[in-house]
C-alpha atoms as a PDB file:
ATOM      1  CA  MET A   1     105.693  85.176  84.968  1.00  0.00           C
ATOM      2  CA  PHE A   2     103.083  87.918  84.956  1.00  0.00           C
ATOM      3  CA  THR A   3      99.480  86.957  85.544  1.00  0.00           C
ATOM      4  CA  SER A   4      97.300  89.744  84.253  1.00  0.00           C
ATOM      5  CA  VAL A   5      93.741  90.833  83.735  1.00  0.00           C
ATOM      6  CA  VAL A   6      92.703  93.582  81.361  1.00  0.00           C
ATOM      7  CA  VAL A   7      90.254  96.303  82.306  1.00  0.00           C
ATOM      8  CA  SER A   8      89.064  99.367  80.414  1.00  0.00           C
ATOM      9  CA  LEU A   9      89.648 102.912  81.586  1.00  0.00           C
ATOM     10  CA  ILE A  10      88.564 106.319  80.365  1.00  0.00           C
ATOM     11  CA  LEU A  11      90.556 109.318  81.563  1.00  0.00           C
ATOM     12  CA  ALA A  12      88.016 112.048  82.244  1.00  0.00           C
ATOM     13  CA  ALA A  13      88.999 115.708  82.143  1.00  0.00           C
ATOM     14  CA  SER A  14      87.159 116.498  85.346  1.00  0.00           C
ATOM     15  CA  ALA A  15      87.951 118.042  88.738  1.00  0.00           C
ATOM     16  CA  LEU A  16      91.436 117.410  90.094  1.00  0.00           C
ATOM     17  CA  ALA A  17      91.780 114.523  92.492  1.00  0.00           C
ATOM     18  CA  ASN A  18      92.259 115.628  96.081  1.00  0.00           C
ATOM     19  CA  VAL A  19      94.904 113.053  97.142  1.00  0.00           C
ATOM     20  CA  TYR A  20      98.096 115.063  96.665  1.00  0.00           C
ATOM     21  CA  ILE A  21     101.108 112.737  96.860  1.00  0.00           C
ATOM     22  CA  THR A  22     104.087 114.598  98.342  1.00  0.00           C
ATOM     23  CA  SER A  23     106.386 111.555  98.168  1.00  0.00           C
ATOM     24  CA  PRO A  24     107.491 110.115  95.824  1.00  0.00           C
ATOM     25  CA  THR A  25     108.192 113.070  93.552  1.00  0.00           C
ATOM     26  CA  SER A  26     110.077 113.227  90.265  1.00  0.00           C
ATOM     27  CA  SER A  27     113.361 113.527  92.190  1.00  0.00           C
ATOM     28  CA  THR A  28     112.718 110.492  94.428  1.00  0.00           C
ATOM     29  CA  THR A  29     114.900 107.382  94.171  1.00  0.00           C
ATOM     30  CA  TRP A  30     113.928 104.289  96.132  1.00  0.00           C
ATOM     31  CA  THR A  31     115.864 101.013  96.350  1.00  0.00           C
ATOM     32  CA  GLY A  32     114.279  97.651  95.659  1.00  0.00           C
ATOM     33  CA  GLY A  33     114.141  95.459  98.760  1.00  0.00           C
ATOM     34  CA  GLN A  34     114.412  98.429 101.135  1.00  0.00           C
ATOM     35  CA  GLN A  35     111.599 100.218 102.932  1.00  0.00           C
ATOM     36  CA  ALA A  36     110.051 103.256 101.267  1.00  0.00           C
ATOM     37  CA  THR A  37     107.301 105.601 102.399  1.00  0.00           C
ATOM     38  CA  ILE A  38     104.490 107.167 100.384  1.00  0.00           C
ATOM     39  CA  ASN A  39     103.186 110.454 101.837  1.00  0.00           C
ATOM     40  CA  TRP A  40     100.096 112.412 100.850  1.00  0.00           C
ATOM     41  CA  GLN A  41      97.879 115.271 101.968  1.00  0.00           C
ATOM     42  CA  ASP A  42      94.566 116.863 101.073  1.00  0.00           C
ATOM     43  CA  ASP A  43      95.067 119.363  98.267  1.00  0.00           C
ATOM     44  CA  GLY A  44      92.211 121.525  99.534  1.00  0.00           C
ATOM     45  CA  SER A  45      89.939 120.890  96.576  1.00  0.00           C
ATOM     46  CA  SER A  46      86.656 118.991  96.545  1.00  0.00           C
ATOM     47  CA  PRO A  47      86.053 116.141  97.212  1.00  0.00           C
ATOM     48  CA  SER A  48      87.617 115.749 100.650  1.00  0.00           C
ATOM     49  CA  LEU A  49      89.945 112.945 101.699  1.00  0.00           C
ATOM     50  CA  ALA A  50      87.064 111.579 103.759  1.00  0.00           C
ATOM     51  CA  SER A  51      85.010 111.335 100.568  1.00  0.00           C
ATOM     52  CA  PHE A  52      87.887 109.643  98.710  1.00  0.00           C
ATOM     53  CA  GLY A  53      87.705 107.082 101.526  1.00  0.00           C
ATOM     54  CA  THR A  54      89.401 103.709 101.402  1.00  0.00           C
ATOM     55  CA  ALA A  55      91.868 103.269  98.562  1.00  0.00           C
ATOM     56  CA  MET A  56      94.163 100.776  96.869  1.00  0.00           C
ATOM     57  CA  PHE A  57      97.824 101.753  96.293  1.00  0.00           C
ATOM     58  CA  SER A  58      99.951 100.155  93.549  1.00  0.00           C
ATOM     59  CA  ILE A  59     103.157 100.712  91.566  1.00  0.00           C
ATOM     60  CA  TYR A  60     102.516 101.192  87.840  1.00  0.00           C
ATOM     61  CA  VAL A  61     104.303 101.914  84.573  1.00  0.00           C
ATOM     62  CA  GLY A  62     102.784 102.976  81.273  1.00  0.00           C
ATOM     63  CA  ASN A  63     101.304 105.928  79.437  1.00  0.00           C
ATOM     64  CA  ALA A  64      97.983 107.758  79.265  1.00  0.00           C
ATOM     65  CA  ASN A  65      96.491 105.039  77.063  1.00  0.00           C
ATOM     66  CA  GLN A  66      97.929 101.906  78.658  1.00  0.00           C
ATOM     67  CA  GLN A  67      99.070 101.264  82.228  1.00  0.00           C
ATOM     68  CA  THR A  68     100.331  98.117  83.945  1.00  0.00           C
ATOM     69  CA  SER A  69     100.254  97.408  87.686  1.00  0.00           C
ATOM     70  CA  LEU A  70     103.540  95.842  88.771  1.00  0.00           C
ATOM     71  CA  GLN A  71     103.082  95.656  92.533  1.00  0.00           C
ATOM     72  CA  LEU A  72     100.050  95.915  94.770  1.00  0.00           C
ATOM     73  CA  ILE A  73     101.200  97.892  97.811  1.00  0.00           C
ATOM     74  CA  SER A  74      97.996  97.825  99.837  1.00  0.00           C
ATOM     75  CA  SER A  75      94.362  97.111  99.038  1.00  0.00           C
ATOM     76  CA  ASN A  76      92.764  98.894 101.998  1.00  0.00           C
ATOM     77  CA  VAL A  77      94.038 102.308 103.126  1.00  0.00           C
ATOM     78  CA  SER A  78      91.842 105.056 104.562  1.00  0.00           C
ATOM     79  CA  VAL A  79      93.479 108.135 103.060  1.00  0.00           C
ATOM     80  CA  ALA A  80      91.649 110.437 105.500  1.00  0.00           C
ATOM     81  CA  ASN A  81      92.803 108.584 108.619  1.00  0.00           C
ATOM     82  CA  VAL A  82      96.449 108.048 107.680  1.00  0.00           C
ATOM     83  CA  SER A  83      98.845 110.207 105.685  1.00  0.00           C
ATOM     84  CA  SER A  84     101.664 107.791 104.902  1.00  0.00           C
ATOM     85  CA  LEU A  85     102.226 104.199 103.870  1.00  0.00           C
ATOM     86  CA  THR A  86     105.483 102.287 104.353  1.00  0.00           C
ATOM     87  CA  PHE A  87     106.254  99.289 102.151  1.00  0.00           C
ATOM     88  CA  THR A  88     109.113  97.457 100.459  1.00  0.00           C
ATOM     89  CA  PRO A  89     109.424  97.739  96.665  1.00  0.00           C
ATOM     90  CA  ASN A  90     109.717  94.276  95.144  1.00  0.00           C
ATOM     91  CA  PRO A  91     113.063  94.269  93.271  1.00  0.00           C
ATOM     92  CA  THR A  92     111.826  91.670  90.773  1.00  0.00           C
ATOM     93  CA  ILE A  93     109.048  93.813  89.232  1.00  0.00           C
ATOM     94  CA  GLY A  94     111.362  95.587  86.787  1.00  0.00           C
ATOM     95  CA  PRO A  95     114.835  97.026  86.116  1.00  0.00           C
ATOM     96  CA  ASP A  96     116.481 100.156  87.451  1.00  0.00           C
ATOM     97  CA  SER A  97     114.287 102.832  85.898  1.00  0.00           C
ATOM     98  CA  ASN A  98     112.702 106.251  86.401  1.00  0.00           C
ATOM     99  CA  GLU A  99     109.406 105.162  84.807  1.00  0.00           C
ATOM    100  CA  TYR A 100     107.543 103.992  87.929  1.00  0.00           C
ATOM    101  CA  PHE A 101     104.587 105.834  89.487  1.00  0.00           C
ATOM    102  CA  ILE A 102     102.079 105.275  92.281  1.00  0.00           C
ATOM    103  CA  ARG A 103      98.394 104.949  91.403  1.00  0.00           C
ATOM    104  CA  VAL A 104      95.722 105.380  94.081  1.00  0.00           C
ATOM    105  CA  GLN A 105      92.258 103.976  93.366  1.00  0.00           C
ATOM    106  CA  SER A 106      89.343 104.916  95.595  1.00  0.00           C
ATOM    107  CA  LEU A 107      87.126 102.038  96.678  1.00  0.00           C
ATOM    108  CA  ASN A 108      84.386 104.467  97.741  1.00  0.00           C
ATOM    109  CA  LEU A 109      84.396 107.598  95.604  1.00  0.00           C
ATOM    110  CA  LYS A 110      83.035 107.633  92.063  1.00  0.00           C
ATOM    111  CA  ASP A 111      83.960 109.996  89.275  1.00  0.00           C
ATOM    112  CA  ALA A 112      81.712 113.081  89.370  1.00  0.00           C
ATOM    113  CA  SER A 113      81.206 113.074  85.597  1.00  0.00           C
ATOM    114  CA  GLN A 114      80.998 109.291  85.128  1.00  0.00           C
ATOM    115  CA  PRO A 115      79.750 107.806  88.408  1.00  0.00           C
ATOM    116  CA  GLN A 116      80.067 104.240  87.158  1.00  0.00           C
ATOM    117  CA  TYR A 117      83.854 104.682  87.491  1.00  0.00           C
ATOM    118  CA  PRO A 118      85.997 105.080  90.649  1.00  0.00           C
ATOM    119  CA  ALA A 119      88.279 108.043  91.317  1.00  0.00           C
ATOM    120  CA  LEU A 120      92.034 107.731  90.810  1.00  0.00           C
ATOM    121  CA  ALA A 121      95.047 109.808  91.834  1.00  0.00           C
ATOM    122  CA  PHE A 122      98.695 109.519  90.766  1.00  0.00           C
ATOM    123  CA  SER A 123     102.180 110.393  91.942  1.00  0.00           C
ATOM    124  CA  ALA A 124     104.884 111.798  89.726  1.00  0.00           C
ATOM    125  CA  LYS A 125     107.130 109.257  88.019  1.00  0.00           C
ATOM    126  CA  PHE A 126     110.030 108.241  90.281  1.00  0.00           C
ATOM    127  CA  SER A 127     113.139 106.039  90.171  1.00  0.00           C
ATOM    128  CA  LEU A 128     113.807 102.565  91.537  1.00  0.00           C
ATOM    129  CA  THR A 129     117.363 101.221  91.818  1.00  0.00           C
ATOM    130  CA  GLY A 130     118.769  97.896  93.001  1.00  0.00           C
ATOM    131  CA  MET A 131     116.198  96.143  90.830  1.00  0.00           C
ATOM    132  CA  SER A 132     116.653  92.671  89.341  1.00  0.00           C
ATOM    133  CA  GLY A 133     113.684  92.389  86.969  1.00  0.00           C
ATOM    134  CA  THR A 134     113.072  93.431  83.386  1.00  0.00           C
ATOM    135  CA  PHE A 135     110.371  95.153  81.355  1.00  0.00           C
ATOM    136  CA  ASN A 136     109.064  92.764  78.735  1.00  0.00           C
ATOM    137  CA  SER A 137     108.308  94.027  75.241  1.00  0.00           C
ATOM    138  CA  SER A 138     104.697  94.874  76.103  1.00  0.00           C
ATOM    139  CA  LEU A 139     105.681  96.948  79.133  1.00  0.00           C
ATOM    140  CA  GLN A 140     108.422  98.709  77.204  1.00  0.00           C
ATOM    141  CA  ALA A 141     105.968  99.532  74.425  1.00  0.00           C
ATOM    142  CA  GLU A 142     103.626 101.113  76.978  1.00  0.00           C
ATOM    143  CA  ILE A 143     106.481 103.187  78.412  1.00  0.00           C
ATOM    144  CA  ASP A 144     107.637 104.222  74.930  1.00  0.00           C
ATOM    145  CA  GLY A 145     104.056 105.337  74.248  1.00  0.00           C
ATOM    146  CA  GLN A 146     104.570 108.341  76.529  1.00  0.00           C
ATOM    147  CA  SER A 147     106.025 110.174  73.540  1.00  0.00           C
ATOM    148  CA  THR A 148     102.515 110.457  72.105  1.00  0.00           C
ATOM    149  CA  ALA A 149     100.399 109.784  75.217  1.00  0.00           C
ATOM    150  CA  PRO A 150     102.191 111.223  78.250  1.00  0.00           C
ATOM    151  CA  ILE A 151     100.829 110.372  81.680  1.00  0.00           C
ATOM    152  CA  GLY A 152      98.424 113.121  82.726  1.00  0.00           C
ATOM    153  CA  GLY A 153      98.538 114.961  79.405  1.00  0.00           C
ATOM    154  CA  SER A 154     100.010 118.460  79.396  1.00  0.00           C
ATOM    155  CA  THR A 155     101.587 120.170  82.399  1.00  0.00           C
ATOM    156  CA  SER A 156     100.209 123.451  83.692  1.00  0.00           C
ATOM    157  CA  SER A 157     102.337 126.420  84.764  1.00  0.00           C
ATOM    158  CA  SER A 158     101.916 125.342  88.405  1.00  0.00           C
ATOM    159  CA  GLY A 159     103.521 121.973  87.697  1.00  0.00           C
ATOM    160  CA  ALA A 160     100.257 120.083  88.058  1.00  0.00           C
ATOM    161  CA  ALA A 161      99.416 117.535  85.414  1.00  0.00           C
ATOM    162  CA  THR A 162      96.317 118.187  83.342  1.00  0.00           C
ATOM    163  CA  PRO A 163      94.377 114.994  82.521  1.00  0.00           C
ATOM    164  CA  ALA A 164      93.873 114.016  78.923  1.00  0.00           C
ATOM    165  CA  ALA A 165      90.824 112.242  77.499  1.00  0.00           C
ATOM    166  CA  HIS A 166      91.887 108.815  76.231  1.00  0.00           C
ATOM    167  CA  ALA A 167      90.648 105.266  76.201  1.00  0.00           C
ATOM    168  CA  VAL A 168      93.017 103.326  78.451  1.00  0.00           C
ATOM    169  CA  THR A 169      93.804  99.644  78.820  1.00  0.00           C
ATOM    170  CA  THR A 170      95.179  98.691  82.222  1.00  0.00           C
ATOM    171  CA  THR A 171      96.983  95.412  82.824  1.00  0.00           C
ATOM    172  CA  THR A 172      97.152  94.271  86.429  1.00  0.00           C
ATOM    173  CA  VAL A 173     100.185  92.217  87.450  1.00  0.00           C
ATOM    174  CA  ALA A 174      99.713  90.009  90.516  1.00  0.00           C
ATOM    175  CA  ALA A 175     102.654  91.111  92.656  1.00  0.00           C
ATOM    176  CA  ALA A 176     101.507  91.767  96.222  1.00  0.00           C
ATOM    177  CA  THR A 177     103.379  93.104  99.216  1.00  0.00           C
ATOM    178  CA  THR A 178     102.723  93.919 102.861  1.00  0.00           C
ATOM    179  CA  ALA A 179     102.520  97.589 103.724  1.00  0.00           C
ATOM    180  CA  LYS A 180     102.286  99.534 106.955  1.00  0.00           C
ATOM    181  CA  SER A 181     100.207 102.701 107.195  1.00  0.00           C
ATOM    182  CA  THR A 182     101.081 105.228 109.862  1.00  0.00           C
ATOM    183  CA  ALA A 183      98.867 107.590 111.831  1.00  0.00           C
ATOM    184  CA  ALA A 184      97.614 110.708 110.067  1.00  0.00           C
ATOM    185  CA  SER A 185      99.493 113.931 110.632  1.00  0.00           C
ATOM    186  CA  THR A 186      98.902 117.484 109.459  1.00  0.00           C
ATOM    187  CA  ALA A 187     101.104 118.217 106.457  1.00  0.00           C
ATOM    188  CA  THR A 188     102.203 121.830 106.158  1.00  0.00           C
ATOM    189  CA  GLY A 189     104.614 123.845 104.077  1.00  0.00           C
ATOM    190  CA  THR A 190     104.685 121.437 101.137  1.00  0.00           C
ATOM    191  CA  SER A 191     104.707 123.111  97.750  1.00  0.00           C
ATOM    192  CA  LYS A 192     102.454 121.712  95.050  1.00  0.00           C
ATOM    193  CA  SER A 193     105.204 122.361  92.511  1.00  0.00           C
ATOM    194  CA  ASN A 194     107.477 119.732  94.125  1.00  0.00           C
ATOM    195  CA  GLY A 195     107.063 117.338  91.202  1.00  0.00           C
ATOM    196  CA  ALA A 196     104.195 115.302  92.584  1.00  0.00           C
ATOM    197  CA  GLY A 197     101.566 114.749  89.893  1.00  0.00           C
ATOM    198  CA  ARG A 198      97.980 115.881  90.502  1.00  0.00           C
ATOM    199  CA  HIS A 199      95.855 114.027  87.995  1.00  0.00           C
ATOM    200  CA  GLY A 200      92.166 114.212  87.293  1.00  0.00           C
ATOM    201  CA  VAL A 201      89.533 111.800  88.503  1.00  0.00           C
ATOM    202  CA  THR A 202      89.465 108.897  86.092  1.00  0.00           C
ATOM    203  CA  GLY A 203      87.123 106.039  85.299  1.00  0.00           C
ATOM    204  CA  LEU A 204      87.393 102.278  85.586  1.00  0.00           C
ATOM    205  CA  ALA A 205      84.980 100.276  83.437  1.00  0.00           C
ATOM    206  CA  GLY A 206      85.550  96.950  85.144  1.00  0.00           C
ATOM    207  CA  LEU A 207      87.769  95.181  87.676  1.00  0.00           C
ATOM    208  CA  VAL A 208      88.124  91.574  86.541  1.00  0.00           C
ATOM    209  CA  GLY A 209      89.723  89.079  88.896  1.00  0.00           C
ATOM    210  CA  ALA A 210      90.664  91.682  91.500  1.00  0.00           C
ATOM    211  CA  ALA A 211      90.172  89.247  94.369  1.00  0.00           C
ATOM    212  CA  ALA A 212      93.092  87.166  93.143  1.00  0.00           C
ATOM    213  CA  VAL A 213      95.314  90.232  93.026  1.00  0.00           C
ATOM    214  CA  LEU A 214      94.308  91.467  96.478  1.00  0.00           C
ATOM    215  CA  ALA A 215      94.744  88.150  98.272  1.00  0.00           C
ATOM    216  CA  GLY A 216      97.430  88.049 100.924  1.00  0.00           C
ATOM    217  CA  VAL A 217      97.887  91.823 101.275  1.00  0.00           C
ATOM    218  CA  ALA A 218      97.665  93.292 104.784  1.00  0.00           C
ATOM    219  CA  VAL A 219      97.887  96.750 106.312  1.00  0.00           C
ATOM    220  CA  LEU A 220      99.691  96.380 109.629  1.00  0.00           C
END
């Protein structure tokens, strides 16, 4: 059974987030219960990865107005000091689907336009197979809402997602895992049109009950 808390978000059409996720991309398929690795690099725009600082990584589904966290991957990753994160997707969080995405929430950096809110970055939607869970009616409604509120709004000619301005409700599902972050390396030769989403800095109006969600998660 999902235990959730509801927080309010506002997607701000501001400067692009600098955490550029190179894996997963839209062509990525991971298998539930087997190790997977998230990779990222600095996209060269301000603010720097050092400014983005420590971040929380989670698997989400949803649309630009409503998003639900299905699995907390790690609550404490320094995106400037490491460039990848290995974890095991929980096969019970949902069915085989191509509607999953990674959301990265800075614990240090605030939105430049609305400094009361933290910065966020997103991956492209990717696929999970070998899954044993289901999407309940609420989750499916959020996913179906992409027809009118796609994640990231419109897509530019470069393949980067352009953020839309919407009021967003985020539901956090308490599904934690243990992740391992690896040493930072210099990423070169990766095209920004590889399907990874570059979304704008967004705002979080409140984080209710986050301690309960973060409990028991470790970065090895």
